[in-house]
Amino acid sequence: MKRRQFLQAGIAGASASQFGCASHEPIAAGPPGQSAVAILKAASYSADLAGLLRRGAQLCGLEAKGKRVLLKPNLVEFASNAAINTHVAVIVAAVELFRSLGAAEVLIGEGPGHRRDTIALAEEAEYRRVITQFDSIFIDLNRDDVSPVRGFADLPEFYLPNTALQADLIVSLAKMKTHHWAGATLSMKNFFGLVPGSVYGWPKNQLHQIGIDRSIADLQRVFPRSFAIVDGIVGMDGNGPIQGDPKSAGVLVMGSDLVSVDATCCRIMGIDPERLEYMRLTAERGHVHPGRIEQRGESVQSVETRFALIDSLKNVRLS
């Protein structure tokens, strides 16, 4: 399907309770419970990433047959000597995974928070060169058509891209990084790129006014139909998410509950997830609590890699 068909199919398949004439209704969080998270060792980007993702999908019971899938990488900035972005090899493997699972459509979408020219950024990160038919499956979410949702951060309306709202499954292809304000930026924080810059500016000014932690929690609530694949093969520590140092962790983390995935990633990084405000907020709103996670694949201990933290974040270190 082309992008127009993708959007039309999303509108046709939506229920009246989800899509109103004036705006989208808020979506309640699901009940807490056990959540499967797969940890997979990956020594480098030349490993069989497609095979690893297939194994992770099996461990997590992932189903995508007939679904419209939006892959959301982290493409916030680019520097040739830094590990800022989701590596292109992980994106290629994810495209292959969801097509092999029978997805009706696989799109890639991103709305960078710093750079206004998304295509130029994708060029620098080699997305356009390496990903087959990139231009035909990529959506600049900063400039996509938008619709309002109700109940985001107590605002009467909050506008989000139609491509994201009408996807059956949004896959957060996040990068494992520290964050100088939030503590860690993983699969949930990656959803900041779903907020359109053409409406809310760069670097998504209104999210910072609302508060990073609350915005992360509200985006998780608005987009519950999600899955996470976190690229921790080479992450970033120190002054992340842009100015930190590359940190090899040699791991991929996958799961359908983003709170549980991020809690697992934090423990791998040597961060206490329960000391991060956005983790507490999402757990309180009914998502899986960080303590109720079923680890599959490798253990946290076998891949634990202590990420360096800036001085102001020393209090979130796991003891």
Protein backbone atom coordinates (compact mmCIF):
# COMPACT_ATOMS: atom_id res chain seq x y z
CA MET A 1 0.00 0.00 0.00
CA LYS A 2 1.07 3.56 -0.66
CA ARG A 3 0.94 6.15 2.12
CA ARG A 4 -2.50 7.44 1.06
CA GLN A 5 -3.89 3.88 1.07
CA PHE A 6 -2.28 3.30 4.47
CA LEU A 7 -4.05 6.31 5.93
CA GLN A 8 -7.38 5.51 4.26
CA ALA A 9 -7.22 1.93 5.57
CA GLY A 10 -6.54 3.26 9.07
CA ILE A 11 -9.58 5.53 8.93
CA ALA A 12 -11.82 2.79 7.57
CA GLY A 13 -10.73 0.31 10.24
CA ALA A 14 -11.04 2.63 13.22
CA SER A 15 -13.95 2.27 15.61
CA ALA A 16 -16.34 5.11 16.31
CA SER A 17 -15.33 5.15 19.98
CA GLN A 18 -11.69 5.77 19.07
CA PHE A 19 -12.06 8.31 16.31
CA GLY A 20 -14.62 11.06 16.82
CA CYS A 21 -15.55 13.82 14.41
CA ALA A 22 -13.82 16.53 16.42
CA SER A 23 -10.88 14.67 17.95
CA HIS A 24 -9.56 11.32 19.12
CA GLU A 25 -10.64 10.13 22.55
CA PRO A 26 -7.94 9.39 25.14
CA ILE A 27 -6.95 5.74 25.49
CA ALA A 28 -6.82 4.27 28.98
CA ALA A 29 -3.82 2.31 30.18
CA GLY A 30 -4.11 -1.44 30.52
CA PRO A 31 -4.03 -3.38 33.80
CA PRO A 32 -0.73 -4.29 35.42
CA GLY A 33 0.64 -7.81 35.23
CA GLN A 34 3.59 -9.92 34.20
CA SER A 35 5.43 -8.72 31.11
CA ALA A 36 7.92 -10.65 28.95
CA VAL A 37 11.12 -8.84 27.98
CA ALA A 38 13.74 -10.50 25.76
CA ILE A 39 17.45 -9.76 26.18
CA LEU A 40 19.65 -10.80 23.27
CA LYS A 41 23.42 -10.59 23.01
CA ALA A 42 24.69 -8.93 19.82
CA ALA A 43 28.44 -8.39 19.64
CA SER A 44 28.34 -6.00 16.67
CA TYR A 45 26.18 -4.60 13.89
CA SER A 46 27.58 -7.24 11.54
CA ALA A 47 25.89 -10.00 13.57
CA ASP A 48 22.79 -11.76 12.24
CA LEU A 49 20.45 -9.05 13.51
CA ALA A 50 17.46 -10.33 11.53
CA GLY A 51 17.87 -13.73 13.14
CA LEU A 52 18.24 -12.19 16.59
CA LEU A 53 15.09 -10.11 16.15
CA ARG A 54 13.16 -13.17 14.99
CA ARG A 55 14.24 -14.98 18.15
CA GLY A 56 13.26 -12.01 20.29
CA ALA A 57 9.88 -11.82 18.60
CA GLN A 58 9.26 -15.49 19.39
CA LEU A 59 10.32 -15.03 23.02
CA CYS A 60 7.89 -12.11 23.37
CA GLY A 61 5.01 -13.72 21.47
CA LEU A 62 4.95 -10.85 18.95
CA GLU A 63 2.17 -10.96 16.34
CA ALA A 64 2.02 -8.58 13.39
CA LYS A 65 0.10 -10.42 10.67
CA GLY A 66 -2.17 -8.02 8.77
CA LYS A 67 -1.13 -5.01 10.85
CA ARG A 68 -0.08 -1.57 9.69
CA VAL A 69 3.30 -1.14 11.39
CA LEU A 70 5.15 2.11 11.98
CA LEU A 71 8.84 1.77 12.87
CA LYS A 72 10.01 4.77 14.92
CA PRO A 73 13.84 4.99 15.11
CA ASN A 74 15.80 7.53 17.12
CA LEU A 75 17.12 10.06 14.61
CA VAL A 76 17.38 13.14 16.79
CA GLU A 77 20.75 14.38 15.47
CA PHE A 78 23.86 13.11 13.72
CA ALA A 79 27.58 13.18 14.38
CA SER A 80 29.95 10.78 12.67
CA ASN A 81 31.94 10.14 15.86
CA ALA A 82 28.94 9.58 18.14
CA ALA A 83 26.33 6.86 18.74
CA ILE A 84 23.31 9.15 18.71
CA ASN A 85 20.96 7.36 16.37
CA THR A 86 19.43 3.91 16.04
CA HIS A 87 21.91 2.11 13.82
CA VAL A 88 20.70 1.60 10.28
CA ALA A 89 21.43 -2.14 10.44
CA VAL A 90 18.88 -2.52 13.25
CA ILE A 91 16.25 -0.71 11.17
CA VAL A 92 16.92 -2.92 8.14
CA ALA A 93 16.56 -6.02 10.33
CA ALA A 94 13.31 -4.68 11.82
CA VAL A 95 11.81 -4.04 8.38
CA GLU A 96 12.68 -7.61 7.41
CA LEU A 97 11.23 -8.97 10.68
CA PHE A 98 7.81 -7.33 10.34
CA ARG A 99 7.48 -8.18 6.68
CA SER A 100 8.31 -11.80 7.49
CA LEU A 101 5.62 -11.73 10.21
CA GLY A 102 3.03 -10.81 7.57
CA ALA A 103 2.50 -7.13 8.34
CA ALA A 104 0.16 -5.48 5.84
CA GLU A 105 2.42 -2.44 5.65
CA VAL A 106 5.73 -1.42 7.20
CA LEU A 107 6.52 2.29 7.32
CA ILE A 108 9.36 4.19 8.98
CA GLY A 109 8.56 7.52 10.62
CA GLU A 110 10.49 10.09 12.61
CA GLY A 111 10.15 13.72 13.66
CA PRO A 112 13.60 14.87 14.84
CA GLY A 113 13.59 17.30 17.73
CA HIS A 114 16.61 19.37 16.68
CA ARG A 115 16.95 19.35 12.90
CA ARG A 116 14.22 20.67 10.61
CA ASP A 117 15.50 18.91 7.48
CA THR A 118 14.65 15.31 8.31
CA ILE A 119 15.63 13.94 4.91
CA ALA A 120 19.08 15.51 5.10
CA LEU A 121 19.51 13.97 8.54
CA ALA A 122 18.46 10.56 7.19
CA GLU A 123 21.01 11.01 4.42
CA GLU A 124 23.81 11.70 6.91
CA ALA A 125 22.87 8.67 9.01
CA GLU A 126 22.93 6.52 5.83
CA TYR A 127 19.27 5.57 6.19
CA ARG A 128 18.51 6.63 2.62
CA ARG A 129 21.47 4.75 1.15
CA VAL A 130 21.12 1.48 3.06
CA ILE A 131 17.36 1.01 3.55
CA THR A 132 15.77 -0.32 0.36
CA GLN A 133 13.19 2.07 -1.15
CA PHE A 134 13.60 4.38 1.84
CA ASP A 135 11.84 7.36 0.28
CA SER A 136 8.70 5.34 -0.48
CA ILE A 137 8.26 4.05 3.08
CA PHE A 138 9.53 6.99 5.15
CA ILE A 139 7.22 9.60 6.71
CA ASP A 140 8.52 12.88 8.15
CA LEU A 141 6.33 13.00 11.25
CA ASN A 142 7.24 16.63 11.85
CA ARG A 143 5.29 17.54 8.71
CA ASP A 144 2.66 14.81 8.49
CA ASP A 145 -1.07 15.63 8.48
CA VAL A 146 -2.31 15.79 12.07
CA SER A 147 -5.45 15.19 14.13
CA PRO A 148 -6.29 16.23 17.70
CA VAL A 149 -6.48 13.91 20.71
CA ARG A 150 -8.17 14.75 23.99
CA GLY A 151 -6.77 14.53 27.49
CA PHE A 152 -3.04 14.89 26.83
CA ALA A 153 -1.54 16.70 29.86
CA ASP A 154 -4.99 18.21 30.64
CA LEU A 155 -4.94 20.13 27.35
CA PRO A 156 -8.28 20.43 25.50
CA GLU A 157 -6.58 19.17 22.33
CA PHE A 158 -3.14 17.94 21.39
CA TYR A 159 -2.21 17.34 17.75
CA LEU A 160 -0.41 14.20 16.62
CA PRO A 161 0.53 12.78 13.19
CA ASN A 162 -2.16 10.77 11.42
CA THR A 163 0.38 8.12 10.40
CA ALA A 164 1.05 7.39 14.07
CA LEU A 165 -2.58 7.61 15.19
CA GLN A 166 -3.73 5.21 12.49
CA ALA A 167 -0.99 2.59 12.89
CA ASP A 168 -1.97 -0.76 14.36
CA LEU A 169 1.45 -1.09 15.96
CA ILE A 170 4.17 1.49 16.65
CA VAL A 171 7.60 -0.03 17.13
CA SER A 172 9.98 2.11 19.15
CA LEU A 173 13.41 1.41 17.66
CA ALA A 174 15.18 3.27 20.43
CA LYS A 175 18.85 3.81 21.25
CA MET A 176 20.18 2.89 24.70
CA LYS A 177 21.36 6.25 26.04
CA THR A 178 21.64 8.31 29.17
CA HIS A 179 19.72 11.60 29.28
CA HIS A 180 20.97 14.65 31.14
CA TRP A 181 17.47 15.49 32.44
CA ALA A 182 15.38 12.31 32.41
CA GLY A 183 18.19 9.96 33.45
CA ALA A 184 17.79 7.57 30.52
CA THR A 185 16.26 7.87 27.07
CA LEU A 186 14.91 4.56 25.85
CA SER A 187 11.77 3.24 24.15
CA MET A 188 9.27 5.59 25.86
CA LYS A 189 11.28 8.80 25.54
CA ASN A 190 11.75 7.90 21.86
CA PHE A 191 8.06 8.73 21.34
CA PHE A 192 8.92 12.44 21.57
CA GLY A 193 9.65 12.05 17.87
CA LEU A 194 5.94 11.35 17.28
CA VAL A 195 5.08 14.93 18.25
CA PRO A 196 5.02 17.18 15.15
CA GLY A 197 7.60 19.96 15.08
CA SER A 198 5.49 21.87 12.57
CA VAL A 199 2.91 22.32 15.35
CA TYR A 200 4.99 22.39 18.53
CA GLY A 201 8.37 23.64 17.33
CA TRP A 202 11.92 22.45 17.79
CA PRO A 203 12.91 20.89 20.17
CA LYS A 204 9.23 20.04 20.78
CA ASN A 205 8.88 23.09 23.00
CA GLN A 206 5.48 22.31 24.50
CA LEU A 207 6.64 18.92 25.78
CA HIS A 208 9.37 20.66 27.76
CA GLN A 209 6.83 23.17 29.10
CA ILE A 210 4.51 20.35 30.19
CA GLY A 211 7.50 18.53 31.65
CA ILE A 212 9.59 15.74 30.16
CA ASP A 213 8.48 13.08 32.64
CA ARG A 214 4.76 13.80 32.34
CA SER A 215 5.00 14.01 28.54
CA ILE A 216 6.71 10.62 28.38
CA ALA A 217 3.96 9.07 30.51
CA ASP A 218 1.15 10.68 28.50
CA LEU A 219 2.60 9.60 25.15
CA GLN A 220 2.78 6.04 26.49
CA ARG A 221 -0.92 6.27 27.35
CA VAL A 222 -1.94 7.72 23.99
CA PHE A 223 -0.02 5.05 22.04
CA PRO A 224 -0.53 1.76 23.93
CA ARG A 225 -0.39 -0.40 20.77
CA SER A 226 3.38 -0.54 20.77
CA PHE A 227 6.44 -2.75 20.78
CA ALA A 228 10.04 -1.90 21.62
CA ILE A 229 13.38 -2.88 20.13
CA VAL A 230 16.21 -1.07 21.90
CA ASP A 231 19.57 -0.83 20.15
CA GLY A 232 22.14 -1.28 22.90
CA ILE A 233 24.82 -2.80 20.70
CA VAL A 234 26.60 0.54 20.98
CA GLY A 235 24.76 3.03 23.17
CA MET A 236 25.69 6.37 24.70
CA ASP A 237 26.67 7.24 28.25
CA GLY A 238 27.74 10.40 30.05
CA ASN A 239 26.11 13.59 28.81
CA GLY A 240 23.45 11.97 26.62
CA PRO A 241 21.32 12.03 24.56
CA ILE A 242 23.52 13.90 22.05
CA GLN A 243 26.84 14.91 23.60
CA GLY A 244 27.76 11.70 25.41
CA ASP A 245 30.30 9.03 24.58
CA PRO A 246 29.78 5.75 22.68
CA LYS A 247 29.25 2.84 25.06
CA SER A 248 29.37 -0.77 23.86
CA ALA A 249 26.80 -2.91 25.65
CA GLY A 250 26.40 -5.61 22.98
CA VAL A 251 22.70 -6.11 23.54
CA LEU A 252 19.23 -5.82 22.02
CA VAL A 253 16.20 -5.56 24.32
CA MET A 254 12.66 -6.32 23.09
CA GLY A 255 9.15 -6.39 24.49
CA SER A 256 5.54 -5.28 24.10
CA ASP A 257 5.37 -3.30 27.35
CA LEU A 258 7.61 -0.28 26.99
CA VAL A 259 7.74 0.36 30.73
CA SER A 260 9.13 -3.13 31.32
CA VAL A 261 11.58 -2.84 28.43
CA ASP A 262 12.90 0.48 29.73
CA ALA A 263 13.16 -0.85 33.29
CA THR A 264 15.21 -3.76 31.98
CA CYS A 265 17.45 -1.44 29.95
CA CYS A 266 18.00 0.74 33.01
CA ARG A 267 19.17 -2.25 35.04
CA ILE A 268 21.55 -3.26 32.24
CA MET A 269 22.94 0.30 32.33
CA GLY A 270 23.34 0.29 36.11
CA ILE A 271 20.42 2.69 36.67
CA ASP A 272 17.63 2.13 39.19
CA PRO A 273 14.41 2.46 37.14
CA GLU A 274 12.35 3.21 40.23
CA ARG A 275 14.40 6.36 40.78
CA LEU A 276 13.36 7.80 37.41
CA GLU A 277 10.27 9.99 37.63
CA TYR A 278 8.74 8.95 34.30
CA MET A 279 9.07 5.29 35.25
CA ARG A 280 7.17 5.93 38.47
CA LEU A 281 4.46 7.87 36.64
CA THR A 282 3.83 5.16 34.06
CA ALA A 283 3.80 2.41 36.68
CA GLU A 284 1.31 4.37 38.77
CA ARG A 285 -0.99 4.73 35.75
CA GLY A 286 -1.53 0.99 35.45
CA HIS A 287 1.31 -0.26 33.29
CA VAL A 288 3.47 -3.16 34.33
CA HIS A 289 5.48 -2.24 37.40
CA PRO A 290 9.27 -2.61 36.94
CA GLY A 291 9.24 -5.36 39.57
CA ARG A 292 6.86 -7.64 37.61
CA ILE A 293 8.95 -8.49 34.57
CA GLU A 294 9.55 -11.94 33.10
CA GLN A 295 13.07 -11.86 31.63
CA ARG A 296 13.61 -14.12 28.64
CA GLY A 297 16.75 -14.89 26.67
CA GLU A 298 19.83 -13.64 28.52
CA SER A 299 19.82 -12.46 32.13
CA VAL A 300 20.36 -8.84 33.08
CA GLN A 301 23.47 -9.86 35.02
CA SER A 302 25.07 -11.48 31.96
CA VAL A 303 24.92 -8.26 29.94
CA GLU A 304 25.13 -5.62 32.68
CA THR A 305 27.25 -2.69 31.51
CA ARG A 306 27.74 0.24 33.86
CA PHE A 307 26.96 3.44 31.93
CA ALA A 308 28.72 6.61 33.09
CA LEU A 309 26.38 9.25 34.56
CA ILE A 310 26.82 12.99 34.90
CA ASP A 311 27.18 14.27 38.47
CA SER A 312 23.57 15.47 38.74
CA LEU A 313 22.32 11.91 38.07
CA LYS A 314 24.49 10.00 40.55
CA ASN A 315 21.41 9.51 42.75
CA VAL A 316 19.76 7.22 40.16
CA ARG A 317 22.60 4.70 40.22
CA LEU A 318 21.67 1.14 41.19
CA SER A 319 23.23 0.35 44.54
